[in-house]
Amino acid sequence: MTTPQTVPALGTHPAAGSLPTRAETREQLAKATYDLLVIGGGILGISTAWHAAQSGLRVALVDAGDFAGATSSASSKLLHGGLRYLQTGAVKLVAENHFERRAVSRQVAPHLSNPLTFYLPVYKGGPHGAAKLGAGVFAYSALSAFGDGVGHLLSPAKAAQDVPELRTDDLKAVAVYGDDQMNDARMALMTVRAAVDAGAVVLNHAEVTGLRFTRGRVTGAELRDRVSGEEFGVTARLVLNATGPWVDHLRRMEDPNAAPSIRLSKGAHLVLKRTSPWKAALATPIDKYRITFALPWEDMLLLGTTDEEYEGDPGEVAVTEKDTAQILDEAAFSIRDQQLDRSLITYAFAGLRVLPGGPGDTSKAKRETVVTEGRGGMLSVAGGKWTTFRHIGRTIMKKLEALPGHPLGEDYESVSTLPKRLPLPGIANPNAVAHRLLVDGPAPGPRMAADTAKHLATHYGSLSFDIARMANENPELARRIHPDAPEIWAQVAYARDHEWAETADDVLRRRTTLTIRGLATDEIRAGVEAMLRAK
């Protein structure tokens, strides 16, 4: 087992091309006047900062926790058109979602996403018949211009070959369609990097303690660095509140009498070890509106999700015993018992969907983005879904451009003139990157393991070569962090020097997969913390 004593010694000097220190970033944030201050480092705020920086605006982005530290890294990890929206007749929405999904998975971030075949089992007595689902998946694939093949029906026997844990009792048919999958935390982090490459200044673990006002207008924020305890402020012409579940908390800083604008829905997930290979995902109808997923993800199995109204503290959202029982019970509709043994659970997580305020069942609510302007001129944005994160960023920018009085000025590029499919950093064919990593290893030393090469290629793209160089120059960094995971110690050093990692959770939960695999032991956590301090 890896112990703190075997953590590679890196010295105290950051790697070449490293990020500025937190002190340098704080000074930069405090001295300048920004066009736009984005508060909230979830994917919605990150995407807006990326598009605003591309437009030539001076942009700052801060978050009280880590980038994508809350709901944005607690999704179902899907880029999808939204099959269930067809039931409500939202054909245009599904087509738009498919367009964005395919743009991200094929042109913007093919190194961070991968196609995934879905099997939708039709059981005797289930909520939908085979003919209906067969027509549904055909229409769904048609709205994607058949870019993922033609939706069709499959025999239970063939489906069971691809998913051996599929329950075949009373299984009448299986409908087949295609979508895409990602690691949401890595996708968000690469988008932060893209925003910084475009000129944005970013700082995580920086909590807003108050807003700045000039003649009644919000003109910035007071912040406290949660790492150092230092207090500082940021001045901006316009402030965007993109704090997700905390959006109303910040709105009340602007106006103590601000009425609630959102409601929250909790979505819980379980991660389990797999008992057999899964060549496809399962999307099992629970009732007329809800589907439960079983997704092969990161060599594990991801189950979920729940959907129930949440009224507690967003910072305390967690998976309960009731959630766990519900997820396993619903999964049992289509999955054999041996795959659902509780001893196989390695991790559980929950996120909060931000929905427009109002009555009604949260499972039927639209995942739409809502922008409101407060009494002090602060804009608050909430809602939306991961698949359309680029579209949401562009939409918010268009709203900012159309504001009366043009608070951002007029001396910048309209978002309408920006490249439509600008790729995220590291874009490359992941198969080619993995091949290069295996072939181009150090001449005298051991070659990189195949699973490590594949992992790096599909989480960093061409940036993998920077990590490989670190490992080649210091063989200690080429060692695995845990024998049962593909990650190597060079990734921890890279997260520290190039990816804003400040805490063990930043590394183990969001920049690597150690936590979701159940491998973030106390010894490994101590080792990561030691490496993070060595700078």
Protein backbone atom coordinates (compact mmCIF):
# COMPACT_ATOMS: atom_id res chain seq x y z
CA MET A 1 0.00 0.00 0.00
CA THR A 2 1.17 3.51 -0.74
CA THR A 3 2.26 5.40 2.37
CA PRO A 4 3.21 9.03 2.99
CA GLN A 5 6.82 7.95 3.43
CA THR A 6 6.95 6.83 -0.21
CA VAL A 7 5.58 10.05 -1.67
CA PRO A 8 7.97 11.26 -4.40
CA ALA A 9 10.17 14.15 -3.30
CA LEU A 10 9.71 17.10 -5.65
CA GLY A 11 11.50 19.87 -3.83
CA THR A 12 9.88 23.23 -3.26
CA HIS A 13 10.19 24.70 -6.74
CA PRO A 14 7.08 24.65 -8.95
CA ALA A 15 7.39 23.21 -12.41
CA ALA A 16 8.16 25.42 -15.38
CA GLY A 17 5.08 27.13 -16.75
CA SER A 18 3.25 26.75 -13.45
CA LEU A 19 0.30 28.88 -12.44
CA PRO A 20 0.83 32.13 -10.55
CA THR A 21 0.76 31.75 -6.78
CA ARG A 22 -2.45 32.46 -4.88
CA ALA A 23 -0.85 35.63 -3.48
CA GLU A 24 -0.02 36.81 -7.00
CA THR A 25 -3.56 36.04 -8.17
CA ARG A 26 -5.10 37.87 -5.20
CA GLU A 27 -2.96 40.90 -5.94
CA GLN A 28 -3.96 40.81 -9.60
CA LEU A 29 -7.63 40.56 -8.68
CA ALA A 30 -7.43 43.38 -6.13
CA LYS A 31 -5.53 45.88 -8.28
CA ALA A 32 -7.48 45.76 -11.54
CA THR A 33 -11.00 46.83 -12.43
CA TYR A 34 -12.73 44.03 -14.30
CA ASP A 35 -15.48 44.25 -16.87
CA LEU A 36 -17.13 41.14 -15.48
CA LEU A 37 -16.81 39.37 -12.13
CA VAL A 38 -18.32 35.89 -12.22
CA ILE A 39 -19.09 34.52 -8.76
CA GLY A 40 -19.49 30.75 -8.97
CA GLY A 41 -17.14 28.19 -10.50
CA GLY A 42 -19.67 25.60 -11.59
CA ILE A 43 -19.93 24.86 -15.30
CA LEU A 44 -22.44 27.65 -15.86
CA GLY A 45 -20.12 30.33 -14.45
CA ILE A 46 -17.07 28.75 -16.06
CA SER A 47 -18.68 28.70 -19.51
CA THR A 48 -19.76 32.34 -19.17
CA ALA A 49 -16.24 33.38 -18.11
CA TRP A 50 -14.80 31.46 -21.08
CA HIS A 51 -17.06 33.16 -23.60
CA ALA A 52 -16.65 36.59 -22.01
CA ALA A 53 -12.86 36.28 -22.08
CA GLN A 54 -13.00 35.16 -25.71
CA SER A 55 -14.94 38.35 -26.43
CA GLY A 56 -12.03 40.43 -25.12
CA LEU A 57 -13.58 41.39 -21.80
CA ARG A 58 -11.49 41.59 -18.65
CA VAL A 59 -12.94 38.71 -16.64
CA ALA A 60 -12.49 37.45 -13.09
CA LEU A 61 -13.96 34.18 -11.78
CA VAL A 62 -14.06 33.14 -8.11
CA ASP A 63 -15.62 30.27 -6.18
CA ALA A 64 -15.94 29.59 -2.46
CA GLY A 65 -14.91 25.97 -3.04
CA ASP A 66 -13.17 24.17 -5.86
CA PHE A 67 -14.05 24.57 -9.51
CA ALA A 68 -16.98 22.20 -10.20
CA GLY A 69 -16.76 21.32 -6.52
CA ALA A 70 -20.51 20.91 -6.00
CA THR A 71 -23.28 19.99 -8.44
CA SER A 72 -21.14 20.31 -11.58
CA SER A 73 -19.13 17.24 -10.52
CA ALA A 74 -22.20 15.40 -9.20
CA SER A 75 -24.07 14.84 -12.46
CA SER A 76 -24.96 11.61 -14.25
CA LYS A 77 -21.89 12.21 -16.47
CA LEU A 78 -23.99 12.33 -19.64
CA LEU A 79 -24.00 14.50 -22.74
CA HIS A 80 -27.44 13.65 -24.04
CA GLY A 81 -30.35 14.87 -26.11
CA GLY A 82 -32.91 14.10 -23.42
CA LEU A 83 -34.99 11.15 -24.55
CA ARG A 84 -37.70 11.84 -21.95
CA TYR A 85 -38.35 15.30 -23.40
CA LEU A 86 -39.92 13.66 -26.46
CA GLN A 87 -42.84 12.62 -24.24
CA THR A 88 -43.71 16.26 -23.62
CA GLY A 89 -43.43 17.15 -27.31
CA ALA A 90 -40.23 19.19 -26.86
CA VAL A 91 -38.89 18.15 -30.26
CA LYS A 92 -36.98 21.39 -30.85
CA LEU A 93 -35.30 21.13 -27.44
CA VAL A 94 -34.14 17.57 -28.13
CA ALA A 95 -32.74 18.61 -31.52
CA GLU A 96 -30.86 21.53 -29.93
CA ASN A 97 -29.49 19.28 -27.21
CA HIS A 98 -28.32 16.76 -29.81
CA PHE A 99 -26.57 19.54 -31.75
CA GLU A 100 -24.66 20.66 -28.66
CA ARG A 101 -23.92 17.08 -27.59
CA ARG A 102 -22.40 16.22 -30.94
CA ALA A 103 -20.46 19.49 -31.14
CA VAL A 104 -18.86 18.83 -27.74
CA SER A 105 -18.17 15.14 -28.26
CA ARG A 106 -16.84 15.44 -31.81
CA GLN A 107 -15.30 18.90 -32.23
CA VAL A 108 -14.88 20.70 -28.89
CA ALA A 109 -13.77 17.91 -26.56
CA PRO A 110 -13.50 14.49 -28.26
CA HIS A 111 -10.64 13.75 -25.84
CA LEU A 112 -12.93 14.17 -22.82
CA SER A 113 -16.09 12.42 -24.03
CA ASN A 114 -16.96 9.12 -25.61
CA PRO A 115 -20.00 7.60 -27.36
CA LEU A 116 -22.15 5.28 -25.30
CA THR A 117 -24.80 2.83 -26.50
CA PHE A 118 -27.95 2.71 -24.40
CA TYR A 119 -30.28 -0.25 -23.97
CA LEU A 120 -33.82 0.59 -22.88
CA PRO A 121 -35.39 -2.67 -21.64
CA VAL A 122 -39.10 -3.32 -22.18
CA TYR A 123 -40.56 -5.62 -19.55
CA LYS A 124 -43.95 -7.25 -19.39
CA GLY A 125 -46.22 -4.94 -17.41
CA GLY A 126 -43.80 -2.01 -17.73
CA PRO A 127 -44.85 1.63 -18.22
CA HIS A 128 -44.14 1.59 -21.99
CA GLY A 129 -44.65 -0.93 -24.77
CA ALA A 130 -42.05 -2.11 -27.27
CA ALA A 131 -43.71 -0.40 -30.25
CA LYS A 132 -43.82 2.94 -28.46
CA LEU A 133 -40.20 2.79 -27.33
CA GLY A 134 -39.05 1.52 -30.71
CA ALA A 135 -40.69 4.50 -32.38
CA GLY A 136 -39.30 6.78 -29.68
CA VAL A 137 -35.66 5.79 -30.12
CA PHE A 138 -36.04 5.99 -33.92
CA ALA A 139 -37.36 9.55 -33.63
CA TYR A 140 -34.62 10.36 -31.11
CA SER A 141 -31.89 9.20 -33.48
CA ALA A 142 -33.56 11.03 -36.38
CA LEU A 143 -33.32 14.30 -34.42
CA SER A 144 -29.58 13.63 -34.22
CA ALA A 145 -29.52 13.16 -38.02
CA PHE A 146 -28.74 9.47 -37.35
CA GLY A 147 -25.22 10.49 -36.36
CA ASP A 148 -25.17 7.73 -33.73
CA GLY A 149 -26.89 5.11 -35.85
CA VAL A 150 -30.57 4.34 -36.19
CA GLY A 151 -32.59 3.74 -33.04
CA HIS A 152 -34.03 0.24 -33.18
CA LEU A 153 -35.22 -2.79 -31.21
CA LEU A 154 -32.92 -5.61 -30.15
CA SER A 155 -33.64 -9.13 -28.94
CA PRO A 156 -33.21 -9.85 -25.21
CA ALA A 157 -30.66 -12.57 -26.01
CA LYS A 158 -28.37 -10.20 -27.93
CA ALA A 159 -28.67 -7.51 -25.26
CA ALA A 160 -27.74 -10.01 -22.54
CA GLN A 161 -24.54 -10.85 -24.42
CA ASP A 162 -23.43 -7.21 -24.19
CA VAL A 163 -24.72 -6.71 -20.63
CA PRO A 164 -24.46 -10.06 -18.81
CA GLU A 165 -26.01 -8.60 -15.66
CA LEU A 166 -29.21 -7.65 -17.52
CA ARG A 167 -32.28 -9.23 -15.91
CA THR A 168 -34.06 -11.23 -18.65
CA ASP A 169 -37.14 -12.46 -16.78
CA ASP A 170 -40.24 -11.08 -18.54
CA LEU A 171 -37.97 -9.05 -20.88
CA LYS A 172 -39.89 -8.59 -24.15
CA ALA A 173 -37.48 -6.41 -26.15
CA VAL A 174 -34.72 -3.83 -25.84
CA ALA A 175 -34.76 -0.42 -27.54
CA VAL A 176 -31.34 0.91 -28.59
CA TYR A 177 -30.12 4.49 -28.97
CA GLY A 178 -26.87 6.46 -28.69
CA ASP A 179 -25.65 9.35 -26.54
CA ASP A 180 -22.31 10.41 -25.04
CA GLN A 181 -20.55 10.28 -21.70
CA MET A 182 -17.86 12.31 -19.93
CA ASN A 183 -16.04 12.90 -16.68
CA ASP A 184 -17.80 16.11 -15.63
CA ALA A 185 -15.08 17.34 -13.25
CA ARG A 186 -12.39 16.99 -15.95
CA MET A 187 -14.59 18.69 -18.57
CA ALA A 188 -15.20 21.61 -16.21
CA LEU A 189 -11.51 21.91 -15.36
CA MET A 190 -10.50 22.01 -19.02
CA THR A 191 -13.08 24.75 -19.58
CA VAL A 192 -11.52 26.75 -16.72
CA ARG A 193 -8.20 26.29 -18.46
CA ALA A 194 -9.71 27.52 -21.73
CA ALA A 195 -11.07 30.61 -19.94
CA VAL A 196 -7.61 31.33 -18.49
CA ASP A 197 -5.98 30.80 -21.89
CA ALA A 198 -8.43 33.43 -23.20
CA GLY A 199 -7.34 35.89 -20.49
CA ALA A 200 -9.62 35.27 -17.48
CA VAL A 201 -8.18 35.46 -13.96
CA VAL A 202 -9.51 32.70 -11.69
CA LEU A 203 -9.30 31.76 -8.04
CA ASN A 204 -10.94 28.85 -6.26
CA HIS A 205 -11.42 28.53 -2.49
CA ALA A 206 -12.21 32.26 -2.34
CA GLU A 207 -15.42 33.01 -0.45
CA VAL A 208 -17.56 36.11 -1.01
CA THR A 209 -18.11 37.80 2.37
CA GLY A 210 -19.96 40.83 1.00
CA LEU A 211 -20.73 42.88 -2.09
CA ARG A 212 -19.26 46.25 -3.08
CA PHE A 213 -21.70 49.06 -3.88
CA THR A 214 -21.22 52.35 -5.69
CA ARG A 215 -24.24 54.70 -5.59
CA GLY A 216 -26.52 51.74 -4.97
CA ARG A 217 -25.06 49.60 -7.77
CA VAL A 218 -23.18 46.36 -7.18
CA THR A 219 -19.62 47.01 -8.33
CA GLY A 220 -17.64 44.08 -6.97
CA ALA A 221 -17.22 41.77 -4.02
CA GLU A 222 -15.27 41.36 -0.80
CA LEU A 223 -13.58 37.98 -0.50
CA ARG A 224 -11.67 35.81 1.91
CA ASP A 225 -9.06 33.33 0.72
CA ARG A 226 -10.04 30.10 2.47
CA VAL A 227 -6.52 28.72 2.03
CA SER A 228 -4.53 31.60 3.55
CA GLY A 229 -7.24 33.52 5.41
CA GLU A 230 -6.27 36.72 3.56
CA GLU A 231 -9.06 39.17 2.79
CA PHE A 232 -9.23 41.16 -0.46
CA GLY A 233 -11.72 42.65 -2.87
CA VAL A 234 -12.51 42.71 -6.58
CA THR A 235 -13.98 45.68 -8.43
CA ALA A 236 -16.02 45.10 -11.58
CA ARG A 237 -18.38 46.98 -13.88
CA LEU A 238 -20.81 44.07 -13.76
CA VAL A 239 -21.21 41.17 -11.33
CA LEU A 240 -22.75 37.85 -12.37
CA ASN A 241 -24.10 35.59 -9.64
CA ALA A 242 -23.68 32.03 -10.93
CA THR A 243 -23.59 30.27 -7.57
CA GLY A 244 -26.10 27.54 -8.42
CA PRO A 245 -27.91 26.32 -5.29
CA TRP A 246 -26.57 29.37 -3.42
CA VAL A 247 -27.92 31.90 -5.94
CA ASP A 248 -30.58 33.26 -3.57
CA HIS A 249 -28.05 33.54 -0.73
CA LEU A 250 -26.01 35.98 -2.83
CA ARG A 251 -29.13 37.77 -4.04
CA ARG A 252 -29.97 38.50 -0.40
CA MET A 253 -26.54 40.12 0.01
CA GLU A 254 -27.65 42.52 -2.71
CA ASP A 255 -31.18 42.92 -1.37
CA PRO A 256 -32.16 41.43 2.03
CA ASN A 257 -35.79 41.40 0.88
CA ALA A 258 -35.15 39.48 -2.36
CA ALA A 259 -37.83 36.84 -2.87
CA PRO A 260 -36.75 33.23 -3.57
CA SER A 261 -36.17 32.65 -7.27
CA ILE A 262 -35.38 28.93 -7.44
CA ARG A 263 -36.16 25.56 -5.94
CA LEU A 264 -33.81 22.63 -5.60
CA SER A 265 -34.07 18.98 -6.56
CA LYS A 266 -31.61 16.42 -5.17
CA GLY A 267 -30.12 13.80 -7.43
CA ALA A 268 -28.19 10.98 -5.74
CA HIS A 269 -25.91 8.40 -7.39
CA LEU A 270 -24.02 5.27 -6.38
CA VAL A 271 -20.71 3.99 -7.79
CA LEU A 272 -20.09 0.24 -7.68
CA LYS A 273 -17.42 -2.21 -8.73
CA ARG A 274 -18.50 -4.16 -11.80
CA THR A 275 -18.98 -7.92 -11.65
CA SER A 276 -18.76 -8.34 -15.44
CA PRO A 277 -18.03 -6.29 -18.57
CA TRP A 278 -20.67 -3.78 -19.69
CA LYS A 279 -20.65 -2.98 -23.41
CA ALA A 280 -23.72 -0.75 -23.13
CA ALA A 281 -25.59 1.33 -20.57
CA LEU A 282 -29.09 0.62 -19.28
CA ALA A 283 -31.84 3.24 -19.20
CA THR A 284 -34.77 1.60 -17.43
CA PRO A 285 -38.19 3.27 -17.27
CA ILE A 286 -39.48 3.46 -13.69
CA ASP A 287 -42.77 5.16 -14.50
CA LYS A 288 -44.19 7.33 -17.25
CA TYR A 289 -41.63 10.10 -16.70
CA ARG A 290 -38.64 8.74 -14.81
CA ILE A 291 -35.73 6.63 -16.01
CA THR A 292 -33.02 5.07 -13.87
CA PHE A 293 -29.55 4.70 -15.37
CA ALA A 294 -26.87 2.03 -15.03
CA LEU A 295 -23.78 3.42 -16.72
CA PRO A 296 -20.36 1.85 -17.25
CA TRP A 297 -18.09 4.75 -16.22
CA GLU A 298 -14.40 4.94 -15.29
CA ASP A 299 -14.19 1.11 -15.16
CA MET A 300 -16.98 1.20 -12.56
CA LEU A 301 -20.78 1.14 -12.65
CA LEU A 302 -22.73 4.36 -11.97
CA LEU A 303 -26.33 4.01 -10.78
CA GLY A 304 -28.98 6.73 -10.39
CA THR A 305 -30.54 9.07 -10.11
CA THR A 306 -33.11 10.21 -7.60
CA ASP A 307 -35.24 13.33 -8.06
CA GLU A 308 -36.87 14.89 -5.04
CA GLU A 309 -37.34 18.41 -3.74
CA TYR A 310 -34.58 19.60 -1.38
CA GLU A 311 -35.02 22.38 1.16
CA GLY A 312 -31.94 22.02 3.37
CA ASP A 313 -28.54 23.70 3.36
CA PRO A 314 -26.99 23.16 -0.09
CA GLY A 315 -23.62 22.62 1.56
CA GLU A 316 -24.94 19.64 3.50
CA VAL A 317 -26.53 17.68 0.65
CA ALA A 318 -25.61 14.00 0.96
CA VAL A 319 -26.74 10.53 0.02
CA THR A 320 -29.02 9.04 2.67
CA GLU A 321 -29.91 5.44 3.40
CA LYS A 322 -33.29 6.13 1.80
CA ASP A 323 -31.53 7.30 -1.39
CA THR A 324 -29.30 4.22 -1.46
CA ALA A 325 -32.24 1.88 -1.00
CA GLN A 326 -34.25 3.64 -3.71
CA ILE A 327 -31.42 3.54 -6.24
CA LEU A 328 -30.73 -0.16 -5.64
CA ASP A 329 -34.44 -1.03 -5.67
CA GLU A 330 -35.00 0.78 -8.96
CA ALA A 331 -31.85 -0.70 -10.50
CA ALA A 332 -33.17 -4.16 -9.58
CA PHE A 333 -35.91 -3.80 -12.20
CA SER A 334 -33.32 -4.58 -14.87
CA ILE A 335 -30.10 -5.70 -13.11
CA ARG A 336 -29.31 -9.04 -11.47
CA ASP A 337 -28.92 -9.12 -7.71
CA GLN A 338 -25.22 -10.07 -7.68
CA GLN A 339 -24.30 -6.73 -9.31
CA LEU A 340 -26.33 -4.82 -6.69
CA ASP A 341 -24.67 -6.22 -3.57
CA ARG A 342 -23.99 -3.36 -1.17
CA SER A 343 -20.42 -4.57 -0.63
CA LEU A 344 -19.68 -3.45 -4.20
CA ILE A 345 -20.48 0.23 -3.47
CA THR A 346 -17.30 2.31 -3.50
CA TYR A 347 -18.74 5.82 -3.42
CA ALA A 348 -22.00 7.76 -3.27
CA PHE A 349 -22.62 11.38 -4.22
CA ALA A 350 -25.50 13.81 -4.54
CA GLY A 351 -25.98 17.07 -6.43
CA LEU A 352 -28.69 19.70 -6.55
CA ARG A 353 -30.54 20.60 -9.72
CA VAL A 354 -31.47 24.29 -9.77
CA LEU A 355 -35.03 24.68 -11.09
CA PRO A 356 -37.20 27.76 -11.67
CA GLY A 357 -39.30 28.58 -8.63
CA GLY A 358 -42.91 27.42 -8.64
CA PRO A 359 -45.16 24.46 -7.91
CA GLY A 360 -45.18 21.03 -9.51
CA ASP A 361 -43.26 17.78 -9.53
CA THR A 362 -39.49 18.38 -9.82
CA SER A 363 -39.10 15.33 -12.08
CA LYS A 364 -41.28 17.06 -14.69
CA ALA A 365 -39.72 20.51 -14.39
CA LYS A 366 -37.82 21.93 -17.35
CA ARG A 367 -34.07 22.32 -17.00
CA GLU A 368 -34.17 25.88 -18.28
CA THR A 369 -31.76 28.71 -17.55
CA VAL A 370 -33.21 31.76 -15.81
CA VAL A 371 -31.51 35.19 -15.69
CA THR A 372 -32.75 37.87 -13.28
CA GLU A 373 -31.51 41.38 -12.47
CA GLY A 374 -31.43 42.54 -8.87
CA ARG A 375 -32.09 45.93 -7.33
CA GLY A 376 -28.38 46.74 -7.38
CA GLY A 377 -27.84 45.65 -10.97
CA MET A 378 -26.29 42.28 -10.16
CA LEU A 379 -27.35 39.62 -12.63
CA SER A 380 -28.19 36.18 -11.28
CA VAL A 381 -28.29 33.12 -13.48
CA ALA A 382 -29.42 29.63 -12.53
CA GLY A 383 -30.55 26.37 -14.07
CA GLY A 384 -29.66 24.62 -17.28
CA LYS A 385 -27.98 21.29 -17.95
CA TRP A 386 -24.46 20.04 -18.60
CA THR A 387 -25.03 19.07 -22.24
CA THR A 388 -25.70 22.66 -23.31
CA PHE A 389 -22.97 24.36 -21.25
CA ARG A 390 -21.51 26.16 -24.30
CA HIS A 391 -24.93 27.30 -25.46
CA ILE A 392 -25.72 28.61 -21.97
CA GLY A 393 -22.48 30.60 -21.91
CA ARG A 394 -23.32 32.20 -25.25
CA THR A 395 -26.91 32.89 -24.20
CA ILE A 396 -25.82 34.68 -21.02
CA MET A 397 -23.33 36.76 -22.98
CA LYS A 398 -26.06 37.82 -25.40
CA LYS A 399 -28.18 38.93 -22.44
CA LEU A 400 -25.24 40.91 -21.03
CA GLU A 401 -24.67 42.56 -24.40
CA ALA A 402 -28.33 43.62 -24.56
CA LEU A 403 -28.46 45.24 -21.12
CA PRO A 404 -29.70 48.86 -21.08
CA GLY A 405 -26.87 51.34 -20.81
CA HIS A 406 -24.31 48.75 -21.95
CA PRO A 407 -22.59 48.34 -18.55
CA LEU A 408 -19.89 46.19 -20.16
CA GLY A 409 -19.12 48.94 -22.68
CA GLU A 410 -19.10 48.37 -26.40
CA ASP A 411 -15.41 47.88 -27.11
CA TYR A 412 -15.39 44.08 -27.33
CA GLU A 413 -16.32 41.31 -29.72
CA SER A 414 -19.94 40.22 -29.74
CA VAL A 415 -20.35 36.59 -28.76
CA SER A 416 -22.15 36.14 -32.10
CA THR A 417 -18.83 36.66 -33.93
CA LEU A 418 -16.84 34.13 -31.91
CA PRO A 419 -15.83 30.75 -33.35
CA LYS A 420 -18.76 28.40 -32.90
CA ARG A 421 -16.79 25.27 -31.99
CA LEU A 422 -13.59 26.44 -30.33
CA PRO A 423 -11.97 23.31 -28.88
CA LEU A 424 -10.97 22.83 -25.27
CA PRO A 425 -7.26 22.50 -24.38
CA GLY A 426 -5.67 19.13 -25.09
CA ILE A 427 -7.89 18.31 -28.06
CA ALA A 428 -6.56 15.22 -29.81
CA ASN A 429 -7.62 11.74 -30.78
CA PRO A 430 -7.32 9.90 -27.44
CA ASN A 431 -6.44 6.60 -29.15
CA ALA A 432 -3.53 8.29 -30.92
CA VAL A 433 -2.39 9.93 -27.68
CA ALA A 434 -2.50 6.62 -25.81
CA HIS A 435 -0.48 4.97 -28.59
CA ARG A 436 2.16 7.70 -28.44
CA LEU A 437 2.40 7.42 -24.65
CA LEU A 438 3.05 3.70 -24.96
CA VAL A 439 5.57 4.04 -27.79
CA ASP A 440 7.48 7.13 -26.62
CA GLY A 441 8.42 5.99 -23.12
CA PRO A 442 11.91 6.52 -21.66
CA ALA A 443 14.53 4.49 -23.52
CA PRO A 444 16.15 2.82 -20.50
CA GLY A 445 13.16 2.74 -18.11
CA PRO A 446 9.93 0.77 -17.95
CA ARG A 447 7.22 1.71 -20.38
CA MET A 448 3.95 3.23 -19.23
CA ALA A 449 1.22 0.73 -18.42
CA ALA A 450 -1.56 0.48 -21.01
CA ASP A 451 -4.33 1.39 -18.56
CA THR A 452 -2.41 4.48 -17.41
CA ALA A 453 -1.83 5.58 -21.00
CA LYS A 454 -5.53 5.21 -21.80
CA HIS A 455 -6.53 7.03 -18.62
CA LEU A 456 -4.23 9.98 -19.32
CA ALA A 457 -5.33 10.21 -22.95
CA THR A 458 -9.04 10.31 -22.07
CA HIS A 459 -8.67 12.79 -19.19
CA TYR A 460 -6.02 15.19 -20.51
CA GLY A 461 -5.78 14.63 -24.26
CA SER A 462 -2.49 15.93 -25.67
CA LEU A 463 -1.67 17.51 -22.29
CA SER A 464 -0.87 13.93 -21.26
CA PHE A 465 2.56 14.41 -22.80
CA ASP A 466 3.38 17.06 -20.17
CA ILE A 467 2.54 14.54 -17.43
CA ALA A 468 4.55 11.83 -19.21
CA ARG A 469 7.57 14.16 -19.36
CA MET A 470 7.35 14.74 -15.61
CA ALA A 471 7.23 10.98 -15.05
CA ASN A 472 10.16 10.39 -17.40
CA GLU A 473 12.30 13.01 -15.67
CA ASN A 474 11.48 11.68 -12.19
CA PRO A 475 10.79 7.94 -12.18
CA GLU A 476 9.25 8.27 -8.71
CA LEU A 477 6.43 10.24 -10.30
CA ALA A 478 5.78 7.37 -12.72
CA ARG A 479 4.63 5.13 -9.86
CA ARG A 480 0.95 4.37 -9.37
CA ILE A 481 -0.77 6.19 -6.55
CA HIS A 482 -2.69 2.98 -5.73
CA PRO A 483 -2.05 -0.43 -7.32
CA ASP A 484 -5.73 -0.80 -8.28
CA ALA A 485 -6.04 2.52 -10.15
CA PRO A 486 -4.37 3.81 -13.33
CA GLU A 487 -3.31 7.18 -11.87
CA ILE A 488 0.34 8.02 -11.26
CA TRP A 489 1.96 10.49 -8.86
CA ALA A 490 2.86 12.84 -11.72
CA GLN A 491 -0.83 13.69 -11.95
CA VAL A 492 -0.80 15.01 -8.38
CA ALA A 493 2.17 17.25 -9.13
CA TYR A 494 0.47 18.37 -12.34
CA ALA A 495 -2.79 19.12 -10.50
CA ARG A 496 -0.84 21.18 -7.99
CA ASP A 497 1.20 23.18 -10.51
CA HIS A 498 -1.22 23.49 -13.44
CA GLU A 499 -4.78 22.74 -12.29
CA TRP A 500 -5.41 24.86 -9.17
CA ALA A 501 -5.53 21.91 -6.77
CA GLU A 502 -5.28 23.08 -3.15
CA THR A 503 -6.73 20.20 -1.10
CA ALA A 504 -6.59 16.43 -1.12
CA ASP A 505 -10.25 16.33 -2.20
CA ASP A 506 -9.45 18.60 -5.16
CA VAL A 507 -7.01 15.95 -6.35
CA LEU A 508 -8.64 12.71 -5.26
CA ARG A 509 -12.28 13.54 -6.05
CA ARG A 510 -12.08 15.83 -9.09
CA ARG A 511 -8.68 15.66 -10.79
CA THR A 512 -8.31 11.90 -10.47
CA THR A 513 -10.69 8.97 -9.89
CA LEU A 514 -9.22 7.63 -6.63
CA THR A 515 -12.19 8.66 -4.47
CA ILE A 516 -14.91 7.31 -6.73
CA ARG A 517 -13.05 3.98 -6.87
CA GLY A 518 -13.02 3.83 -3.06
CA LEU A 519 -9.21 4.02 -3.00
CA ALA A 520 -8.61 7.37 -1.29
CA THR A 521 -7.10 5.80 1.82
CA ASP A 522 -5.80 7.81 4.76
CA GLU A 523 -2.26 7.00 3.68
CA ILE A 524 -2.84 8.20 0.12
CA ARG A 525 -4.66 11.31 1.34
CA ALA A 526 -1.69 12.16 3.59
CA GLY A 527 0.69 11.60 0.69
CA VAL A 528 -1.29 13.90 -1.61
CA GLU A 529 -1.42 16.58 1.08
CA ALA A 530 2.34 16.34 1.52
CA MET A 531 2.89 16.80 -2.21
CA LEU A 532 0.50 19.76 -2.32
CA ARG A 533 2.49 21.47 0.44
CA ALA A 534 5.77 20.93 -1.43
CA LYS A 535 5.59 24.04 -3.56
